[in-house]
Every structure is written in C-alpha cells, then in structure tokens.
Amino acid sequence: MEREVGHKVGGAFCPRYHRAVEIVGRRWSGAIIRAMLAGASRFGEIRCEIPDLTGRMLSERLKELEAEGIVERVVIPERPVRIEYRLTEKGRELRPVVEAISGWAERWVEL
C-alpha cells in the first residue's frame, strides 16, 4: 500500500482529504463558495446566483462554512445595518480546487 507523501495521492484513505471533501462537498456548499469566488457577498446576491437554494439552507450553510473558517460574516454599521459574507484566506485558497472541479465537470458531466 502506498503512503501519502506531501500533497501527492498515496493510499486509499487520508483523514484530512476525507474531511475536506465532507466540508466542501455538502449540498450547496461548493456552489456557495463558487458564487463567493465570483464576487457575491450579500445574502441575497448569493441566493440569486444559485437556483433552488432556499434562504434557510443558505443561512445554515453559511454558518457551517463560518464555523470551518472558510467564510466570515462582516457587520457593516450603516443604517440599516448591512451584513456581508467574505471568504477568508482559507476560503480563497479553494479557488484552484473549484476551478479544477469546474473544468472537470465541463468535460465529463452531462446534464
């Protein structure tokens, strides 16, 4: 059995890889991250970018992504108060992953 060396693919199971896939692979999480990488930052903007995503589910996923340190919730003290969601450094580092999956999907996924 091969062993994991650095970031190369090794054995069949890597706990960190498995956890990462669980985090970004939850229903809607990848789409939310992709929308935010494209510039969406307000709740309504993110929701408009993703058909069939309910407000309740978006709220739940944003909280989960915030707890994972991928998204930060920013309160802008205006009248009325404005809330924005921003990708953290950890979240922004997902860009090449999202781009790779998008490219793979364009080539191999049929709708």
PDB file of N, CA and C in Angstrom:
ATOM      1  N   MET A   1       0.850  -1.185   0.000  1.00  0.00           N
ATOM      2  CA  MET A   1       0.000   0.000   0.000  1.00  0.00           C
ATOM      3  C   MET A   1       0.891   1.242   0.000  1.00  0.00           C
ATOM      4  N   GLU A   2       0.555   2.209  -0.844  1.00  0.00           N
ATOM      5  CA  GLU A   2       1.333   3.446  -0.904  1.00  0.00           C
ATOM      6  C   GLU A   2       1.044   4.322   0.303  1.00  0.00           C
ATOM      7  N   ARG A   3       1.996   5.153   0.629  1.00  0.00           N
ATOM      8  CA  ARG A   3       1.813   6.103   1.721  1.00  0.00           C
ATOM      9  C   ARG A   3       1.678   7.497   1.148  1.00  0.00           C
ATOM     10  N   GLU A   4       1.012   8.356   1.905  1.00  0.00           N
ATOM     11  CA  GLU A   4       0.849   9.744   1.490  1.00  0.00           C
ATOM     12  C   GLU A   4       2.177  10.473   1.656  1.00  0.00           C
ATOM     13  N   VAL A   5       2.601  11.167   0.612  1.00  0.00           N
ATOM     14  CA  VAL A   5       3.837  11.940   0.649  1.00  0.00           C
ATOM     15  C   VAL A   5       3.490  13.366   0.256  1.00  0.00           C
ATOM     16  N   GLY A   6       3.633  14.304   1.189  1.00  0.00           N
ATOM     17  CA  GLY A   6       3.277  15.691   0.893  1.00  0.00           C
ATOM     18  C   GLY A   6       1.821  15.783   0.485  1.00  0.00           C
ATOM     19  N   HIS A   7       1.581  16.386  -0.677  1.00  0.00           N
ATOM     20  CA  HIS A   7       0.212  16.542  -1.183  1.00  0.00           C
ATOM     21  C   HIS A   7      -0.111  15.539  -2.286  1.00  0.00           C
ATOM     22  N   LYS A   8       0.771  14.590  -2.510  1.00  0.00           N
ATOM     23  CA  LYS A   8       0.548  13.618  -3.569  1.00  0.00           C
ATOM     24  C   LYS A   8      -0.440  12.557  -3.109  1.00  0.00           C
ATOM     25  N   VAL A   9      -1.101  11.962  -4.091  1.00  0.00           N
ATOM     26  CA  VAL A   9      -2.051  10.898  -3.786  1.00  0.00           C
ATOM     27  C   VAL A   9      -1.269   9.669  -3.362  1.00  0.00           C
ATOM     28  N   GLY A  10      -1.662   9.122  -2.238  1.00  0.00           N
ATOM     29  CA  GLY A  10      -0.993   7.932  -1.724  1.00  0.00           C
ATOM     30  C   GLY A  10      -1.989   6.812  -1.557  1.00  0.00           C
ATOM     31  N   GLY A  11      -2.157   6.356  -0.316  1.00  0.00           N
ATOM     32  CA  GLY A  11      -3.082   5.272  -0.024  1.00  0.00           C
ATOM     33  C   GLY A  11      -4.532   5.669  -0.270  1.00  0.00           C
ATOM     34  N   ALA A  12      -5.401   4.719  -0.089  1.00  0.00           N
ATOM     35  CA  ALA A  12      -6.814   4.927  -0.379  1.00  0.00           C
ATOM     36  C   ALA A  12      -7.494   5.906   0.570  1.00  0.00           C
ATOM     37  N   PHE A  13      -7.045   5.975   1.808  1.00  0.00           N
ATOM     38  CA  PHE A  13      -7.746   6.823   2.771  1.00  0.00           C
ATOM     39  C   PHE A  13      -6.788   7.806   3.423  1.00  0.00           C
ATOM     40  N   CYS A  14      -7.163   9.072   3.375  1.00  0.00           N
ATOM     41  CA  CYS A  14      -6.421  10.136   4.050  1.00  0.00           C
ATOM     42  C   CYS A  14      -7.447  10.914   4.867  1.00  0.00           C
ATOM     43  N   PRO A  15      -7.354  10.927   6.196  1.00  0.00           N
ATOM     44  CA  PRO A  15      -8.358  11.590   7.024  1.00  0.00           C
ATOM     45  C   PRO A  15      -8.557  13.069   6.682  1.00  0.00           C
ATOM     46  N   ARG A  16      -7.498  13.787   6.386  1.00  0.00           N
ATOM     47  CA  ARG A  16      -7.641  15.215   6.057  1.00  0.00           C
ATOM     48  C   ARG A  16      -8.367  15.400   4.732  1.00  0.00           C
ATOM     49  N   TYR A  17      -8.013  14.599   3.745  1.00  0.00           N
ATOM     50  CA  TYR A  17      -8.700  14.667   2.456  1.00  0.00           C
ATOM     51  C   TYR A  17     -10.184  14.352   2.640  1.00  0.00           C
ATOM     52  N   HIS A  18     -10.460  13.302   3.378  1.00  0.00           N
ATOM     53  CA  HIS A  18     -11.845  12.892   3.621  1.00  0.00           C
ATOM     54  C   HIS A  18     -12.635  14.023   4.287  1.00  0.00           C
ATOM     55  N   ARG A  19     -12.049  14.658   5.279  1.00  0.00           N
ATOM     56  CA  ARG A  19     -12.717  15.763   5.984  1.00  0.00           C
ATOM     57  C   ARG A  19     -12.926  16.951   5.052  1.00  0.00           C
ATOM     58  N   ALA A  20     -11.930  17.266   4.236  1.00  0.00           N
ATOM     59  CA  ALA A  20     -12.053  18.383   3.292  1.00  0.00           C
ATOM     60  C   ALA A  20     -13.200  18.146   2.312  1.00  0.00           C
ATOM     61  N   VAL A  21     -13.300  16.932   1.803  1.00  0.00           N
ATOM     62  CA  VAL A  21     -14.383  16.602   0.875  1.00  0.00           C
ATOM     63  C   VAL A  21     -15.734  16.703   1.579  1.00  0.00           C
ATOM     64  N   GLU A  22     -15.804  16.292   2.840  1.00  0.00           N
ATOM     65  CA  GLU A  22     -17.052  16.425   3.601  1.00  0.00           C
ATOM     66  C   GLU A  22     -17.452  17.890   3.753  1.00  0.00           C
ATOM     67  N   ILE A  23     -16.483  18.763   4.004  1.00  0.00           N
ATOM     68  CA  ILE A  23     -16.777  20.185   4.221  1.00  0.00           C
ATOM     69  C   ILE A  23     -17.284  20.833   2.939  1.00  0.00           C
ATOM     70  N   VAL A  24     -16.518  20.743   1.872  1.00  0.00           N
ATOM     71  CA  VAL A  24     -16.903  21.447   0.642  1.00  0.00           C
ATOM     72  C   VAL A  24     -17.889  20.657  -0.200  1.00  0.00           C
ATOM     73  N   GLY A  25     -18.051  19.372   0.111  1.00  0.00           N
ATOM     74  CA  GLY A  25     -18.953  18.542  -0.662  1.00  0.00           C
ATOM     75  C   GLY A  25     -20.378  18.482  -0.151  1.00  0.00           C
ATOM     76  N   ARG A  26     -20.645  19.136   0.969  1.00  0.00           N
ATOM     77  CA  ARG A  26     -22.031  19.164   1.456  1.00  0.00           C
ATOM     78  C   ARG A  26     -22.904  19.865   0.436  1.00  0.00           C
ATOM     79  N   ARG A  27     -24.140  19.424   0.351  1.00  0.00           N
ATOM     80  CA  ARG A  27     -25.053  20.009  -0.632  1.00  0.00           C
ATOM     81  C   ARG A  27     -25.060  21.524  -0.496  1.00  0.00           C
ATOM     82  N   TRP A  28     -24.849  22.204  -1.573  1.00  0.00           N
ATOM     83  CA  TRP A  28     -24.843  23.658  -1.736  1.00  0.00           C
ATOM     84  C   TRP A  28     -23.544  24.335  -1.317  1.00  0.00           C
ATOM     85  N   SER A  29     -22.720  23.716  -0.505  1.00  0.00           N
ATOM     86  CA  SER A  29     -21.503  24.390  -0.029  1.00  0.00           C
ATOM     87  C   SER A  29     -20.573  24.776  -1.171  1.00  0.00           C
ATOM     88  N   GLY A  30     -20.332  23.859  -2.090  1.00  0.00           N
ATOM     89  CA  GLY A  30     -19.471  24.168  -3.228  1.00  0.00           C
ATOM     90  C   GLY A  30     -20.026  25.288  -4.080  1.00  0.00           C
ATOM     91  N   ALA A  31     -21.337  25.282  -4.286  1.00  0.00           N
ATOM     92  CA  ALA A  31     -21.978  26.335  -5.083  1.00  0.00           C
ATOM     93  C   ALA A  31     -21.875  27.686  -4.385  1.00  0.00           C
ATOM     94  N   ILE A  32     -22.006  27.693  -3.074  1.00  0.00           N
ATOM     95  CA  ILE A  32     -21.884  28.940  -2.302  1.00  0.00           C
ATOM     96  C   ILE A  32     -20.464  29.472  -2.407  1.00  0.00           C
ATOM     97  N   ILE A  33     -19.487  28.615  -2.236  1.00  0.00           N
ATOM     98  CA  ILE A  33     -18.088  29.037  -2.344  1.00  0.00           C
ATOM     99  C   ILE A  33     -17.812  29.561  -3.747  1.00  0.00           C
ATOM    100  N   ARG A  34     -18.324  28.870  -4.754  1.00  0.00           N
ATOM    101  CA  ARG A  34     -18.118  29.296  -6.152  1.00  0.00           C
ATOM    102  C   ARG A  34     -18.742  30.665  -6.393  1.00  0.00           C
ATOM    103  N   ALA A  35     -19.950  30.889  -5.884  1.00  0.00           N
ATOM    104  CA  ALA A  35     -20.611  32.189  -6.039  1.00  0.00           C
ATOM    105  C   ALA A  35     -19.811  33.287  -5.350  1.00  0.00           C
ATOM    106  N   MET A  36     -19.271  32.979  -4.188  1.00  0.00           N
ATOM    107  CA  MET A  36     -18.487  33.978  -3.456  1.00  0.00           C
ATOM    108  C   MET A  36     -17.153  34.251  -4.154  1.00  0.00           C
ATOM    109  N   LEU A  37     -16.550  33.245  -4.745  1.00  0.00           N
ATOM    110  CA  LEU A  37     -15.327  33.459  -5.519  1.00  0.00           C
ATOM    111  C   LEU A  37     -15.600  34.352  -6.726  1.00  0.00           C
ATOM    112  N   ALA A  38     -16.834  34.303  -7.233  1.00  0.00           N
ATOM    113  CA  ALA A  38     -17.227  35.132  -8.376  1.00  0.00           C
ATOM    114  C   ALA A  38     -17.600  36.551  -7.958  1.00  0.00           C
ATOM    115  N   GLY A  39     -17.633  36.825  -6.647  1.00  0.00           N
ATOM    116  CA  GLY A  39     -17.868  38.187  -6.190  1.00  0.00           C
ATOM    117  C   GLY A  39     -19.107  38.418  -5.349  1.00  0.00           C
ATOM    118  N   ALA A  40     -19.991  37.445  -5.247  1.00  0.00           N
ATOM    119  CA  ALA A  40     -21.193  37.625  -4.431  1.00  0.00           C
ATOM    120  C   ALA A  40     -20.808  37.711  -2.958  1.00  0.00           C
ATOM    121  N   SER A  41     -21.387  38.688  -2.251  1.00  0.00           N
ATOM    122  CA  SER A  41     -21.037  38.834  -0.832  1.00  0.00           C
ATOM    123  C   SER A  41     -22.244  39.037   0.077  1.00  0.00           C
ATOM    124  N   ARG A  42     -23.343  39.495  -0.466  1.00  0.00           N
ATOM    125  CA  ARG A  42     -24.536  39.695   0.349  1.00  0.00           C
ATOM    126  C   ARG A  42     -25.406  38.452   0.259  1.00  0.00           C
ATOM    127  N   PHE A  43     -26.186  38.218   1.293  1.00  0.00           N
ATOM    128  CA  PHE A  43     -27.042  37.039   1.366  1.00  0.00           C
ATOM    129  C   PHE A  43     -27.897  36.917   0.103  1.00  0.00           C
ATOM    130  N   GLY A  44     -28.571  38.002  -0.258  1.00  0.00           N
ATOM    131  CA  GLY A  44     -29.451  37.990  -1.428  1.00  0.00           C
ATOM    132  C   GLY A  44     -28.711  37.739  -2.729  1.00  0.00           C
ATOM    133  N   GLU A  45     -27.497  38.271  -2.843  1.00  0.00           N
ATOM    134  CA  GLU A  45     -26.692  38.055  -4.052  1.00  0.00           C
ATOM    135  C   GLU A  45     -26.322  36.584  -4.194  1.00  0.00           C
ATOM    136  N   ILE A  46     -25.901  36.003  -3.097  1.00  0.00           N
ATOM    137  CA  ILE A  46     -25.513  34.589  -3.127  1.00  0.00           C
ATOM    138  C   ILE A  46     -26.725  33.742  -3.488  1.00  0.00           C
ATOM    139  N   ARG A  47     -27.839  34.038  -2.867  1.00  0.00           N
ATOM    140  CA  ARG A  47     -29.060  33.260  -3.118  1.00  0.00           C
ATOM    141  C   ARG A  47     -29.502  33.370  -4.570  1.00  0.00           C
ATOM    142  N   CYS A  48     -29.399  34.560  -5.156  1.00  0.00           N
ATOM    143  CA  CYS A  48     -29.790  34.753  -6.559  1.00  0.00           C
ATOM    144  C   CYS A  48     -28.886  33.991  -7.523  1.00  0.00           C
ATOM    145  N   GLU A  49     -27.652  33.767  -7.137  1.00  0.00           N
ATOM    146  CA  GLU A  49     -26.697  33.071  -8.002  1.00  0.00           C
ATOM    147  C   GLU A  49     -26.951  31.567  -8.071  1.00  0.00           C
ATOM    148  N   ILE A  50     -27.702  31.038  -7.106  1.00  0.00           N
ATOM    149  CA  ILE A  50     -27.847  29.583  -7.002  1.00  0.00           C
ATOM    150  C   ILE A  50     -29.331  29.203  -7.052  1.00  0.00           C
ATOM    151  N   PRO A  51     -29.813  28.768  -8.210  1.00  0.00           N
ATOM    152  CA  PRO A  51     -31.220  28.376  -8.329  1.00  0.00           C
ATOM    153  C   PRO A  51     -31.572  27.246  -7.352  1.00  0.00           C
ATOM    154  N   ASP A  52     -32.764  27.300  -6.822  1.00  0.00           N
ATOM    155  CA  ASP A  52     -33.314  26.275  -5.921  1.00  0.00           C
ATOM    156  C   ASP A  52     -32.741  26.279  -4.511  1.00  0.00           C
ATOM    157  N   LEU A  53     -31.794  27.159  -4.219  1.00  0.00           N
ATOM    158  CA  LEU A  53     -31.252  27.253  -2.865  1.00  0.00           C
ATOM    159  C   LEU A  53     -32.194  28.105  -2.022  1.00  0.00           C
ATOM    160  N   THR A  54     -32.716  27.528  -0.950  1.00  0.00           N
ATOM    161  CA  THR A  54     -33.629  28.276  -0.084  1.00  0.00           C
ATOM    162  C   THR A  54     -32.838  29.172   0.864  1.00  0.00           C
ATOM    163  N   GLY A  55     -33.492  30.195   1.361  1.00  0.00           N
ATOM    164  CA  GLY A  55     -32.862  31.088   2.326  1.00  0.00           C
ATOM    165  C   GLY A  55     -32.445  30.348   3.581  1.00  0.00           C
ATOM    166  N   ARG A  56     -33.269  29.431   4.011  1.00  0.00           N
ATOM    167  CA  ARG A  56     -32.961  28.659   5.219  1.00  0.00           C
ATOM    168  C   ARG A  56     -31.695  27.820   5.031  1.00  0.00           C
ATOM    169  N   MET A  57     -31.598  27.164   3.880  1.00  0.00           N
ATOM    170  CA  MET A  57     -30.430  26.325   3.615  1.00  0.00           C
ATOM    171  C   MET A  57     -29.179  27.181   3.441  1.00  0.00           C
ATOM    172  N   LEU A  58     -29.312  28.330   2.783  1.00  0.00           N
ATOM    173  CA  LEU A  58     -28.169  29.224   2.627  1.00  0.00           C
ATOM    174  C   LEU A  58     -27.671  29.685   3.986  1.00  0.00           C
ATOM    175  N   SER A  59     -28.588  30.066   4.855  1.00  0.00           N
ATOM    176  CA  SER A  59     -28.218  30.504   6.199  1.00  0.00           C
ATOM    177  C   SER A  59     -27.482  29.398   6.952  1.00  0.00           C
ATOM    178  N   GLU A  60     -27.991  28.186   6.857  1.00  0.00           N
ATOM    179  CA  GLU A  60     -27.376  27.041   7.539  1.00  0.00           C
ATOM    180  C   GLU A  60     -25.965  26.778   7.007  1.00  0.00           C
ATOM    181  N   ARG A  61     -25.832  26.773   5.687  1.00  0.00           N
ATOM    182  CA  ARG A  61     -24.516  26.502   5.094  1.00  0.00           C
ATOM    183  C   ARG A  61     -23.519  27.621   5.390  1.00  0.00           C
ATOM    184  N   LEU A  62     -23.961  28.872   5.367  1.00  0.00           N
ATOM    185  CA  LEU A  62     -23.056  29.976   5.694  1.00  0.00           C
ATOM    186  C   LEU A  62     -22.540  29.847   7.122  1.00  0.00           C
ATOM    187  N   LYS A  63     -23.419  29.454   8.040  1.00  0.00           N
ATOM    188  CA  LYS A  63     -22.995  29.252   9.432  1.00  0.00           C
ATOM    189  C   LYS A  63     -21.971  28.123   9.531  1.00  0.00           C
ATOM    190  N   GLU A  64     -22.196  27.043   8.801  1.00  0.00           N
ATOM    191  CA  GLU A  64     -21.256  25.922   8.810  1.00  0.00           C
ATOM    192  C   GLU A  64     -19.907  26.334   8.223  1.00  0.00           C
ATOM    193  N   LEU A  65     -19.938  27.058   7.108  1.00  0.00           N
ATOM    194  CA  LEU A  65     -18.694  27.500   6.476  1.00  0.00           C
ATOM    195  C   LEU A  65     -17.964  28.510   7.355  1.00  0.00           C
ATOM    196  N   GLU A  66     -18.727  29.306   8.084  1.00  0.00           N
ATOM    197  CA  GLU A  66     -18.120  30.244   9.034  1.00  0.00           C
ATOM    198  C   GLU A  66     -17.449  29.470  10.176  1.00  0.00           C
ATOM    199  N   ALA A  67     -18.117  28.448  10.682  1.00  0.00           N
ATOM    200  CA  ALA A  67     -17.553  27.636  11.765  1.00  0.00           C
ATOM    201  C   ALA A  67     -16.277  26.917  11.319  1.00  0.00           C
ATOM    202  N   GLU A  68     -16.180  26.603  10.037  1.00  0.00           N
ATOM    203  CA  GLU A  68     -14.989  25.938   9.493  1.00  0.00           C
ATOM    204  C   GLU A  68     -13.876  26.929   9.161  1.00  0.00           C
ATOM    205  N   GLY A  69     -14.177  28.235   9.280  1.00  0.00           N
ATOM    206  CA  GLY A  69     -13.162  29.244   8.989  1.00  0.00           C
ATOM    207  C   GLY A  69     -12.997  29.541   7.512  1.00  0.00           C
ATOM    208  N   ILE A  70     -13.980  29.173   6.700  1.00  0.00           N
ATOM    209  CA  ILE A  70     -13.925  29.390   5.254  1.00  0.00           C
ATOM    210  C   ILE A  70     -14.584  30.713   4.882  1.00  0.00           C
ATOM    211  N   VAL A  71     -15.596  31.090   5.645  1.00  0.00           N
ATOM    212  CA  VAL A  71     -16.357  32.321   5.411  1.00  0.00           C
ATOM    213  C   VAL A  71     -16.354  33.134   6.692  1.00  0.00           C
ATOM    214  N   GLU A  72     -16.323  34.445   6.542  1.00  0.00           N
ATOM    215  CA  GLU A  72     -16.504  35.313   7.709  1.00  0.00           C
ATOM    216  C   GLU A  72     -17.717  36.206   7.470  1.00  0.00           C
ATOM    217  N   ARG A  73     -18.445  36.439   8.525  1.00  0.00           N
ATOM    218  CA  ARG A  73     -19.627  37.301   8.499  1.00  0.00           C
ATOM    219  C   ARG A  73     -19.183  38.674   8.978  1.00  0.00           C
ATOM    220  N   VAL A  74     -19.422  39.688   8.152  1.00  0.00           N
ATOM    221  CA  VAL A  74     -18.979  41.044   8.460  1.00  0.00           C
ATOM    222  C   VAL A  74     -20.204  41.939   8.607  1.00  0.00           C
ATOM    223  N   VAL A  75     -20.304  42.600   9.766  1.00  0.00           N
ATOM    224  CA  VAL A  75     -21.397  43.541  10.021  1.00  0.00           C
ATOM    225  C   VAL A  75     -20.885  44.937   9.688  1.00  0.00           C
ATOM    226  N   ILE A  76     -21.571  45.601   8.773  1.00  0.00           N
ATOM    227  CA  ILE A  76     -21.193  46.956   8.376  1.00  0.00           C
ATOM    228  C   ILE A  76     -22.184  47.905   9.036  1.00  0.00           C
ATOM    229  N   PRO A  77     -21.693  48.733   9.973  1.00  0.00           N
ATOM    230  CA  PRO A  77     -22.585  49.587  10.766  1.00  0.00           C
ATOM    231  C   PRO A  77     -23.118  50.785   9.976  1.00  0.00           C
ATOM    232  N   GLU A  78     -24.127  50.522   9.184  1.00  0.00           N
ATOM    233  CA  GLU A  78     -24.838  51.568   8.447  1.00  0.00           C
ATOM    234  C   GLU A  78     -26.276  51.546   8.920  1.00  0.00           C
ATOM    235  N   ARG A  79     -27.056  52.420   8.370  1.00  0.00           N
ATOM    236  CA  ARG A  79     -28.495  52.385   8.629  1.00  0.00           C
ATOM    237  C   ARG A  79     -29.201  52.116   7.324  1.00  0.00           C
ATOM    238  N   PRO A  80     -29.847  50.999   7.166  1.00  0.00           N
ATOM    239  CA  PRO A  80     -29.871  49.858   8.087  1.00  0.00           C
ATOM    240  C   PRO A  80     -28.527  49.115   8.066  1.00  0.00           C
ATOM    241  N   VAL A  81     -28.320  48.335   9.102  1.00  0.00           N
ATOM    242  CA  VAL A  81     -27.092  47.548   9.213  1.00  0.00           C
ATOM    243  C   VAL A  81     -26.985  46.626   7.999  1.00  0.00           C
ATOM    244  N   ARG A  82     -25.794  46.530   7.461  1.00  0.00           N
ATOM    245  CA  ARG A  82     -25.563  45.677   6.293  1.00  0.00           C
ATOM    246  C   ARG A  82     -24.668  44.511   6.707  1.00  0.00           C
ATOM    247  N   ILE A  83     -25.029  43.327   6.250  1.00  0.00           N
ATOM    248  CA  ILE A  83     -24.246  42.119   6.530  1.00  0.00           C
ATOM    249  C   ILE A  83     -23.636  41.644   5.213  1.00  0.00           C
ATOM    250  N   GLU A  84     -22.351  41.375   5.250  1.00  0.00           N
ATOM    251  CA  GLU A  84     -21.677  40.799   4.094  1.00  0.00           C
ATOM    252  C   GLU A  84     -20.970  39.526   4.532  1.00  0.00           C
ATOM    253  N   TYR A  85     -20.787  38.645   3.594  1.00  0.00           N
ATOM    254  CA  TYR A  85     -20.051  37.407   3.829  1.00  0.00           C
ATOM    255  C   TYR A  85     -18.831  37.435   2.927  1.00  0.00           C
ATOM    256  N   ARG A  86     -17.681  37.143   3.511  1.00  0.00           N
ATOM    257  CA  ARG A  86     -16.431  37.172   2.753  1.00  0.00           C
ATOM    258  C   ARG A  86     -15.683  35.868   2.962  1.00  0.00           C
ATOM    259  N   LEU A  87     -15.015  35.446   1.916  1.00  0.00           N
ATOM    260  CA  LEU A  87     -14.156  34.275   2.047  1.00  0.00           C
ATOM    261  C   LEU A  87     -12.905  34.671   2.813  1.00  0.00           C
ATOM    262  N   THR A  88     -12.513  33.839   3.733  1.00  0.00           N
ATOM    263  CA  THR A  88     -11.263  34.041   4.462  1.00  0.00           C
ATOM    264  C   THR A  88     -10.116  33.583   3.553  1.00  0.00           C
ATOM    265  N   GLU A  89      -8.906  33.710   4.026  1.00  0.00           N
ATOM    266  CA  GLU A  89      -7.761  33.203   3.257  1.00  0.00           C
ATOM    267  C   GLU A  89      -7.955  31.711   2.974  1.00  0.00           C
ATOM    268  N   LYS A  90      -8.416  31.001   3.978  1.00  0.00           N
ATOM    269  CA  LYS A  90      -8.687  29.562   3.837  1.00  0.00           C
ATOM    270  C   LYS A  90      -9.706  29.318   2.723  1.00  0.00           C
ATOM    271  N   GLY A  91     -10.738  30.149   2.670  1.00  0.00           N
ATOM    272  CA  GLY A  91     -11.755  30.019   1.633  1.00  0.00           C
ATOM    273  C   GLY A  91     -11.242  30.406   0.256  1.00  0.00           C
ATOM    274  N   ARG A  92     -10.474  31.485   0.188  1.00  0.00           N
ATOM    275  CA  ARG A  92      -9.931  31.934  -1.099  1.00  0.00           C
ATOM    276  C   ARG A  92      -8.963  30.913  -1.688  1.00  0.00           C
ATOM    277  N   GLU A  93      -8.297  30.164  -0.830  1.00  0.00           N
ATOM    278  CA  GLU A  93      -7.375  29.136  -1.316  1.00  0.00           C
ATOM    279  C   GLU A  93      -8.092  27.969  -1.988  1.00  0.00           C
ATOM    280  N   LEU A  94      -9.410  27.946  -1.917  1.00  0.00           N
ATOM    281  CA  LEU A  94     -10.182  26.916  -2.615  1.00  0.00           C
ATOM    282  C   LEU A  94     -10.356  27.235  -4.102  1.00  0.00           C
ATOM    283  N   ARG A  95      -9.967  28.440  -4.537  1.00  0.00           N
ATOM    284  CA  ARG A  95     -10.153  28.833  -5.941  1.00  0.00           C
ATOM    285  C   ARG A  95      -9.613  27.788  -6.927  1.00  0.00           C
ATOM    286  N   PRO A  96      -8.350  27.350  -6.821  1.00  0.00           N
ATOM    287  CA  PRO A  96      -7.874  26.371  -7.810  1.00  0.00           C
ATOM    288  C   PRO A  96      -8.623  25.039  -7.743  1.00  0.00           C
ATOM    289  N   VAL A  97      -9.107  24.688  -6.571  1.00  0.00           N
ATOM    290  CA  VAL A  97      -9.885  23.455  -6.417  1.00  0.00           C
ATOM    291  C   VAL A  97     -11.214  23.597  -7.150  1.00  0.00           C
ATOM    292  N   VAL A  98     -11.892  24.718  -6.930  1.00  0.00           N
ATOM    293  CA  VAL A  98     -13.180  24.978  -7.585  1.00  0.00           C
ATOM    294  C   VAL A  98     -12.989  25.052  -9.097  1.00  0.00           C
ATOM    295  N   GLU A  99     -11.928  25.718  -9.540  1.00  0.00           N
ATOM    296  CA  GLU A  99     -11.661  25.814 -10.977  1.00  0.00           C
ATOM    297  C   GLU A  99     -11.376  24.441 -11.576  1.00  0.00           C
ATOM    298  N   ALA A 100     -10.632  23.608 -10.858  1.00  0.00           N
ATOM    299  CA  ALA A 100     -10.333  22.261 -11.355  1.00  0.00           C
ATOM    300  C   ALA A 100     -11.606  21.421 -11.457  1.00  0.00           C
ATOM    301  N   ILE A 101     -12.456  21.497 -10.455  1.00  0.00           N
ATOM    302  CA  ILE A 101     -13.712  20.740 -10.490  1.00  0.00           C
ATOM    303  C   ILE A 101     -14.610  21.268 -11.598  1.00  0.00           C
ATOM    304  N   SER A 102     -14.647  22.587 -11.776  1.00  0.00           N
ATOM    305  CA  SER A 102     -15.456  23.180 -12.847  1.00  0.00           C
ATOM    306  C   SER A 102     -14.978  22.697 -14.214  1.00  0.00           C
ATOM    307  N   GLY A 103     -13.668  22.673 -14.418  1.00  0.00           N
ATOM    308  CA  GLY A 103     -13.116  22.191 -15.687  1.00  0.00           C
ATOM    309  C   GLY A 103     -13.422  20.722 -15.917  1.00  0.00           C
ATOM    310  N   TRP A 104     -13.277  19.926 -14.871  1.00  0.00           N
ATOM    311  CA  TRP A 104     -13.588  18.507 -14.962  1.00  0.00           C
ATOM    312  C   TRP A 104     -15.065  18.310 -15.306  1.00  0.00           C
ATOM    313  N   ALA A 105     -15.934  19.083 -14.647  1.00  0.00           N
ATOM    314  CA  ALA A 105     -17.378  18.967 -14.880  1.00  0.00           C
ATOM    315  C   ALA A 105     -17.736  19.341 -16.316  1.00  0.00           C
ATOM    316  N   GLU A 106     -17.116  20.399 -16.840  1.00  0.00           N
ATOM    317  CA  GLU A 106     -17.383  20.804 -18.226  1.00  0.00           C
ATOM    318  C   GLU A 106     -17.036  19.674 -19.191  1.00  0.00           C
ATOM    319  N   ARG A 107     -15.983  18.966 -18.881  1.00  0.00           N
ATOM    320  CA  ARG A 107     -15.537  17.902 -19.773  1.00  0.00           C
ATOM    321  C   ARG A 107     -16.334  16.611 -19.614  1.00  0.00           C
ATOM    322  N   TRP A 108     -16.698  16.260 -18.384  1.00  0.00           N
ATOM    323  CA  TRP A 108     -17.209  14.921 -18.132  1.00  0.00           C
ATOM    324  C   TRP A 108     -18.651  14.809 -17.651  1.00  0.00           C
ATOM    325  N   VAL A 109     -19.234  15.872 -17.129  1.00  0.00           N
ATOM    326  CA  VAL A 109     -20.579  15.762 -16.548  1.00  0.00           C
ATOM    327  C   VAL A 109     -21.631  16.155 -17.580  1.00  0.00           C
ATOM    328  N   GLU A 110     -22.560  15.251 -17.803  1.00  0.00           N
ATOM    329  CA  GLU A 110     -23.663  15.519 -18.726  1.00  0.00           C
ATOM    330  C   GLU A 110     -24.893  15.932 -17.939  1.00  0.00           C
ATOM    331  N   LEU A 111     -25.644  16.874 -18.493  1.00  0.00           N
ATOM    332  CA  LEU A 111     -26.891  17.315 -17.851  1.00  0.00           C
ATOM    333  C   LEU A 111     -28.084  16.845 -18.639  1.00  0.00           C
TER     334      LEU A 111
END
